Amino acid sequence: MAHPELTLDLTAEDLIRVRFAALKEQNFSLLYASYHPRAPFLEQFPTLNSYREFAVQTLSDLRLYDADVGASRVTPEGVEIICILRFDLGSEVQILYELVLVIPTDLGWRYHSAQKLSTEDYQGEFAALDFVHFDHQSPKIRF
C-alpha cells in the first residue's frame, strides 16, 4: 500500500514528524510503511496485519499529547535525531526521549530504530538533552 505522506523529498526530521502524526491519528499502516526494511521491529512484526493486530490491542488507548524533534547528527548509517514524546497510555501521562536512527532508501528516509530514555534516565529539560546523554547510557538498547 502506497502512502502519499512518505515522499522522496522528506527530510529525516520530516519523516519523524510524519510518524508522530500517524501515531496521533492511529494510522498504523502508515507507521508500518515508514520502517526501514532492516528495522529490528520488522523481525517481530513481519507483516502489516501482524503489526495492526498488536497495535489495535496495545496502542488503541494511546493518546499522544505532544511530540517534538530536537538536534540531529549525521552518522555512517544515516541520521540520528533526538525526540520527545508526551503521551498517555492507560491513565498516566508519560514522557519518553528517543534517539532515533533513520536510514536513506530508494524510497526516501525510513525509520530503523531508537534508543530510549525515560524520565528516570534523564530529568532535565528537553532543550538541554544532548547526544552525550544517549552515548553514555549503558546498556544501549535500540528497538
C-alpha atoms as a PDB file:
ATOM      1  CA  MET A   1       0.000   0.000   0.000  1.00  0.00           C
ATOM      2  CA  ALA A   2       1.464   3.341  -1.028  1.00  0.00           C
ATOM      3  CA  HIS A   3       1.358   6.254   1.363  1.00  0.00           C
ATOM      4  CA  PRO A   4       1.480   9.696  -0.252  1.00  0.00           C
ATOM      5  CA  GLU A   5       2.901  11.107   3.008  1.00  0.00           C
ATOM      6  CA  LEU A   6       6.134   9.124   2.501  1.00  0.00           C
ATOM      7  CA  THR A   7       7.727  11.083  -0.314  1.00  0.00           C
ATOM      8  CA  LEU A   8      11.296  11.196  -1.572  1.00  0.00           C
ATOM      9  CA  ASP A   9      11.624  14.868  -0.656  1.00  0.00           C
ATOM     10  CA  LEU A  10      11.025  14.335   3.079  1.00  0.00           C
ATOM     11  CA  THR A  11      13.984  15.168   5.266  1.00  0.00           C
ATOM     12  CA  ALA A  12      14.914  12.773   8.053  1.00  0.00           C
ATOM     13  CA  GLU A  13      13.232  15.134  10.533  1.00  0.00           C
ATOM     14  CA  ASP A  14      10.125  15.350   8.327  1.00  0.00           C
ATOM     15  CA  LEU A  15       9.821  11.569   8.406  1.00  0.00           C
ATOM     16  CA  ILE A  16       9.756  11.625  12.202  1.00  0.00           C
ATOM     17  CA  ARG A  17       7.058  14.313  12.179  1.00  0.00           C
ATOM     18  CA  VAL A  18       5.001  12.195   9.751  1.00  0.00           C
ATOM     19  CA  ARG A  19       5.382   9.251  12.129  1.00  0.00           C
ATOM     20  CA  PHE A  20       4.263  11.373  15.087  1.00  0.00           C
ATOM     21  CA  ALA A  21       1.163  12.488  13.169  1.00  0.00           C
ATOM     22  CA  ALA A  22       0.426   8.885  12.192  1.00  0.00           C
ATOM     23  CA  LEU A  23       0.752   7.761  15.808  1.00  0.00           C
ATOM     24  CA  LYS A  24      -1.564  10.535  16.966  1.00  0.00           C
ATOM     25  CA  GLU A  25      -4.122   9.552  14.301  1.00  0.00           C
ATOM     26  CA  GLN A  26      -3.534   5.835  14.987  1.00  0.00           C
ATOM     27  CA  ASN A  27      -2.657   5.347  11.329  1.00  0.00           C
ATOM     28  CA  PHE A  28      -0.873   2.070  11.943  1.00  0.00           C
ATOM     29  CA  SER A  29      -0.415   1.203   8.277  1.00  0.00           C
ATOM     30  CA  LEU A  30       1.497   4.468   7.691  1.00  0.00           C
ATOM     31  CA  LEU A  31       3.658   3.817  10.756  1.00  0.00           C
ATOM     32  CA  TYR A  32       4.422   0.336   9.462  1.00  0.00           C
ATOM     33  CA  ALA A  33       5.258   1.609   5.979  1.00  0.00           C
ATOM     34  CA  SER A  34       7.723   4.121   7.449  1.00  0.00           C
ATOM     35  CA  TYR A  35      10.034   1.388   8.795  1.00  0.00           C
ATOM     36  CA  HIS A  36      13.336   0.625   7.132  1.00  0.00           C
ATOM     37  CA  PRO A  37      13.426  -2.908   5.638  1.00  0.00           C
ATOM     38  CA  ARG A  38      16.218  -3.866   8.086  1.00  0.00           C
ATOM     39  CA  ALA A  39      14.479  -2.438  11.162  1.00  0.00           C
ATOM     40  CA  PRO A  40      14.637  -4.823  14.140  1.00  0.00           C
ATOM     41  CA  PHE A  41      10.933  -4.086  14.676  1.00  0.00           C
ATOM     42  CA  LEU A  42      10.076  -5.953  11.471  1.00  0.00           C
ATOM     43  CA  GLU A  43      11.588  -9.137  12.864  1.00  0.00           C
ATOM     44  CA  GLN A  44       8.852  -9.100  15.491  1.00  0.00           C
ATOM     45  CA  PHE A  45       6.131  -7.971  13.072  1.00  0.00           C
ATOM     46  CA  PRO A  46       6.972  -9.276   9.587  1.00  0.00           C
ATOM     47  CA  THR A  47       3.591  -8.304   8.114  1.00  0.00           C
ATOM     48  CA  LEU A  48       1.318  -5.286   8.308  1.00  0.00           C
ATOM     49  CA  ASN A  49      -1.501  -7.495   9.616  1.00  0.00           C
ATOM     50  CA  SER A  50       0.610  -8.851  12.474  1.00  0.00           C
ATOM     51  CA  TYR A  51       1.528  -5.300  13.488  1.00  0.00           C
ATOM     52  CA  ARG A  52      -2.008  -3.994  13.068  1.00  0.00           C
ATOM     53  CA  GLU A  53      -3.383  -6.716  15.375  1.00  0.00           C
ATOM     54  CA  PHE A  54      -0.785  -5.809  18.003  1.00  0.00           C
ATOM     55  CA  ALA A  55      -1.329  -2.062  17.596  1.00  0.00           C
ATOM     56  CA  VAL A  56      -5.103  -2.268  17.877  1.00  0.00           C
ATOM     57  CA  GLN A  57      -4.792  -4.282  21.096  1.00  0.00           C
ATOM     58  CA  THR A  58      -1.904  -2.350  22.635  1.00  0.00           C
ATOM     59  CA  LEU A  59      -1.909   1.181  21.228  1.00  0.00           C
ATOM     60  CA  SER A  60      -5.587   1.980  20.701  1.00  0.00           C
ATOM     61  CA  ASP A  61      -5.716   3.627  24.155  1.00  0.00           C
ATOM     62  CA  LEU A  62      -2.629   5.725  23.481  1.00  0.00           C
ATOM     63  CA  ARG A  63      -3.160   9.477  23.361  1.00  0.00           C
ATOM     64  CA  LEU A  64      -0.206  11.434  22.034  1.00  0.00           C
ATOM     65  CA  TYR A  65      -0.252  14.911  23.558  1.00  0.00           C
ATOM     66  CA  ASP A  66       2.958  16.306  22.201  1.00  0.00           C
ATOM     67  CA  ALA A  67       5.982  15.188  20.238  1.00  0.00           C
ATOM     68  CA  ASP A  68       8.962  17.225  19.193  1.00  0.00           C
ATOM     69  CA  VAL A  69      12.168  16.870  17.234  1.00  0.00           C
ATOM     70  CA  GLY A  70      15.423  18.215  18.629  1.00  0.00           C
ATOM     71  CA  ALA A  71      19.014  18.072  17.478  1.00  0.00           C
ATOM     72  CA  SER A  72      20.210  15.745  14.738  1.00  0.00           C
ATOM     73  CA  ARG A  73      23.571  14.394  13.644  1.00  0.00           C
ATOM     74  CA  VAL A  74      24.817  12.523  10.610  1.00  0.00           C
ATOM     75  CA  THR A  75      26.270   9.072  11.280  1.00  0.00           C
ATOM     76  CA  PRO A  76      27.809   6.490   8.951  1.00  0.00           C
ATOM     77  CA  GLU A  77      24.433   4.693   8.880  1.00  0.00           C
ATOM     78  CA  GLY A  78      22.128   7.685   8.377  1.00  0.00           C
ATOM     79  CA  VAL A  79      20.847  10.417  10.680  1.00  0.00           C
ATOM     80  CA  GLU A  80      20.207  10.287  14.421  1.00  0.00           C
ATOM     81  CA  ILE A  81      17.537  12.605  15.811  1.00  0.00           C
ATOM     82  CA  ILE A  82      16.694  13.412  19.430  1.00  0.00           C
ATOM     83  CA  CYS A  83      12.933  13.348  20.070  1.00  0.00           C
ATOM     84  CA  ILE A  84      10.472  13.670  22.921  1.00  0.00           C
ATOM     85  CA  LEU A  85       7.008  12.159  23.215  1.00  0.00           C
ATOM     86  CA  ARG A  86       4.404  13.050  25.852  1.00  0.00           C
ATOM     87  CA  PHE A  87       1.599  10.530  25.876  1.00  0.00           C
ATOM     88  CA  ASP A  88      -0.988   8.761  27.953  1.00  0.00           C
ATOM     89  CA  LEU A  89      -1.246   5.003  27.757  1.00  0.00           C
ATOM     90  CA  GLY A  90      -3.796   3.929  30.283  1.00  0.00           C
ATOM     91  CA  SER A  91      -4.166   6.577  32.933  1.00  0.00           C
ATOM     92  CA  GLU A  92      -0.878   8.381  33.401  1.00  0.00           C
ATOM     93  CA  VAL A  93       0.978  10.937  31.303  1.00  0.00           C
ATOM     94  CA  GLN A  94       4.403   9.622  30.385  1.00  0.00           C
ATOM     95  CA  ILE A  95       7.447  11.220  28.781  1.00  0.00           C
ATOM     96  CA  LEU A  96       9.830   9.274  26.604  1.00  0.00           C
ATOM     97  CA  TYR A  97      13.022  10.533  24.993  1.00  0.00           C
ATOM     98  CA  GLU A  98      14.355   8.838  21.891  1.00  0.00           C
ATOM     99  CA  LEU A  99      17.499   8.891  19.825  1.00  0.00           C
ATOM    100  CA  VAL A 100      16.022   7.818  16.510  1.00  0.00           C
ATOM    101  CA  LEU A 101      18.067   6.368  13.662  1.00  0.00           C
ATOM    102  CA  VAL A 102      16.689   6.958  10.163  1.00  0.00           C
ATOM    103  CA  ILE A 103      18.384   5.473   7.130  1.00  0.00           C
ATOM    104  CA  PRO A 104      18.052   6.527   3.496  1.00  0.00           C
ATOM    105  CA  THR A 105      16.464   4.130   0.995  1.00  0.00           C
ATOM    106  CA  ASP A 106      15.492   4.376  -2.666  1.00  0.00           C
ATOM    107  CA  LEU A 107      12.041   5.423  -1.418  1.00  0.00           C
ATOM    108  CA  GLY A 108      13.343   8.110   0.955  1.00  0.00           C
ATOM    109  CA  TRP A 109      14.227   8.160   4.646  1.00  0.00           C
ATOM    110  CA  ARG A 110      12.930   5.277   6.736  1.00  0.00           C
ATOM    111  CA  TYR A 111      12.860   4.650  10.496  1.00  0.00           C
ATOM    112  CA  HIS A 112      15.307   1.991  11.634  1.00  0.00           C
ATOM    113  CA  SER A 113      15.309   2.042  15.441  1.00  0.00           C
ATOM    114  CA  ALA A 114      15.587   4.202  18.523  1.00  0.00           C
ATOM    115  CA  GLN A 115      17.435   4.233  21.787  1.00  0.00           C
ATOM    116  CA  LYS A 116      15.039   5.211  24.576  1.00  0.00           C
ATOM    117  CA  LEU A 117      15.452   7.202  27.776  1.00  0.00           C
ATOM    118  CA  SER A 118      12.772   7.529  30.434  1.00  0.00           C
ATOM    119  CA  THR A 119      12.350  10.374  32.886  1.00  0.00           C
ATOM    120  CA  GLU A 120      14.271   8.179  35.338  1.00  0.00           C
ATOM    121  CA  ASP A 121      17.227   8.213  32.938  1.00  0.00           C
ATOM    122  CA  TYR A 122      17.050  11.949  32.209  1.00  0.00           C
ATOM    123  CA  GLN A 123      15.427  14.587  34.431  1.00  0.00           C
ATOM    124  CA  GLY A 124      16.405  17.780  32.588  1.00  0.00           C
ATOM    125  CA  GLU A 125      14.654  19.967  30.050  1.00  0.00           C
ATOM    126  CA  PHE A 126      14.239  18.641  26.523  1.00  0.00           C
ATOM    127  CA  ALA A 127      16.162  21.606  25.088  1.00  0.00           C
ATOM    128  CA  ALA A 128      19.208  20.550  27.130  1.00  0.00           C
ATOM    129  CA  LEU A 129      19.057  16.882  26.118  1.00  0.00           C
ATOM    130  CA  ASP A 130      22.157  16.113  24.088  1.00  0.00           C
ATOM    131  CA  PHE A 131      23.701  13.149  22.312  1.00  0.00           C
ATOM    132  CA  VAL A 132      26.064  12.641  25.236  1.00  0.00           C
ATOM    133  CA  HIS A 133      23.099  11.566  27.399  1.00  0.00           C
ATOM    134  CA  PHE A 134      22.431   8.714  24.980  1.00  0.00           C
ATOM    135  CA  ASP A 135      26.104   7.979  24.247  1.00  0.00           C
ATOM    136  CA  HIS A 136      26.861   7.407  27.945  1.00  0.00           C
ATOM    137  CA  GLN A 137      23.764   5.320  28.620  1.00  0.00           C
ATOM    138  CA  SER A 138      24.547   1.722  29.493  1.00  0.00           C
ATOM    139  CA  PRO A 139      23.390  -0.602  28.191  1.00  0.00           C
ATOM    140  CA  LYS A 140      22.426   0.925  24.868  1.00  0.00           C
ATOM    141  CA  ILE A 141      19.302  -0.831  23.664  1.00  0.00           C
ATOM    142  CA  ARG A 142      17.892   0.073  20.260  1.00  0.00           C
ATOM    143  CA  PHE A 143      14.498  -1.138  19.093  1.00  0.00           C
END
